[in-house]
Structure formats: structure tokens, C-alpha cells
Amino acid sequence: MIPNRKNISRNGMILSVIVLINAVILEHAFTINERWYWALIFTLPLFAAAVFFNKNKRKILSRSV
């Protein structure tokens, strides 16, 4: 089997994990226990920061090429 040699950005992986965590929190809070909405206070700013840094990194990389 041939290994996958594509470059994967760490920022993209972090964004994916944060999106999954937010989805699990929202699903759990909506269906089981509404007390879980407080967890979004921590995860939504993390998501916003990750998106912001990902956009800035892409701008810097596109300028240097």
C-alpha cells in the first residue's frame, strides 16, 4: 500500500477538531442537557482564534510565493 504523502496543515487539523468538539457540545446540549451550553464560552473563542490565525497564515504564505 502506498502511503499518503500530502502535506496536511496543523491549523486545518486544529480547526477540524474544534469544529467537531463544538458540534458534539451543541448536540449534547440540545438533546440531553442544556447546561452544556456554557462550554461554548471556551470553544467558540478558540474556534474564532484558529480561523483568524489560519487566514493570516494564508495571507503571509501567498505574499512570500
Protein backbone atom coordinates (compact mmCIF):
# COMPACT_ATOMS: atom_id res chain seq x y z
CA MET A 1 0.00 0.00 0.00
CA ILE A 2 1.34 3.45 -0.94
CA PRO A 3 1.44 5.96 1.93
CA ASN A 4 -0.31 9.29 1.59
CA ARG A 5 2.40 11.94 1.13
CA LYS A 6 0.22 15.04 1.01
CA ASN A 7 1.12 17.91 3.30
CA ILE A 8 -1.55 18.49 5.91
CA SER A 9 -1.59 21.79 7.75
CA ARG A 10 -1.66 21.73 11.51
CA ASN A 11 -4.07 24.67 11.52
CA GLY A 12 -6.54 22.74 9.38
CA MET A 13 -6.38 19.78 11.71
CA ILE A 14 -6.88 22.00 14.75
CA LEU A 15 -9.86 23.68 13.07
CA SER A 16 -11.38 20.29 12.31
CA VAL A 17 -11.02 19.13 15.90
CA ILE A 18 -12.52 22.35 17.28
CA VAL A 19 -15.46 22.11 14.85
CA LEU A 20 -16.10 18.52 15.94
CA ILE A 21 -15.91 19.47 19.62
CA ASN A 22 -18.38 22.33 19.06
CA ALA A 23 -20.74 20.01 17.18
CA VAL A 24 -20.67 17.44 19.98
CA ILE A 25 -21.27 20.12 22.61
CA LEU A 26 -24.19 21.61 20.65
CA GLU A 27 -25.75 18.20 20.02
CA HIS A 28 -25.40 17.17 23.65
CA ALA A 29 -26.73 20.50 24.96
CA PHE A 30 -29.67 20.50 22.56
CA THR A 31 -30.77 16.91 23.11
CA ILE A 32 -29.68 15.83 26.60
CA ASN A 33 -28.67 18.58 29.00
CA GLU A 34 -28.82 22.33 28.33
CA ARG A 35 -26.14 23.00 30.94
CA TRP A 36 -23.53 22.13 28.31
CA TYR A 37 -24.05 25.44 26.51
CA TRP A 38 -21.58 27.02 28.95
CA ALA A 39 -18.77 25.00 27.34
CA LEU A 40 -19.22 27.06 24.17
CA ILE A 41 -17.86 30.04 26.11
CA PHE A 42 -14.46 28.34 25.85
CA THR A 43 -14.65 26.61 22.49
CA LEU A 44 -16.13 29.36 20.31
CA PRO A 45 -13.30 31.85 21.05
CA LEU A 46 -10.81 29.04 20.31
CA PHE A 47 -12.56 28.46 17.00
CA ALA A 48 -12.53 32.17 16.16
CA ALA A 49 -8.83 32.45 17.01
CA ALA A 50 -7.97 29.39 14.92
CA VAL A 51 -9.86 30.79 11.91
CA PHE A 52 -8.19 34.17 12.35
CA PHE A 53 -4.68 32.68 12.55
CA ASN A 54 -5.39 30.38 9.62
CA LYS A 55 -6.44 33.35 7.45
CA ASN A 56 -3.38 35.35 8.47
CA LYS A 57 -1.06 32.44 7.77
CA ARG A 58 -2.51 32.00 4.28
CA LYS A 59 -2.04 35.72 3.53
CA ILE A 60 1.60 35.58 4.65
CA LEU A 61 2.29 32.45 2.62
CA SER A 62 0.68 33.86 -0.53
CA ARG A 63 2.79 37.03 -0.28
CA SER A 64 6.06 35.11 0.06
CA VAL A 65 5.48 32.91 -3.00
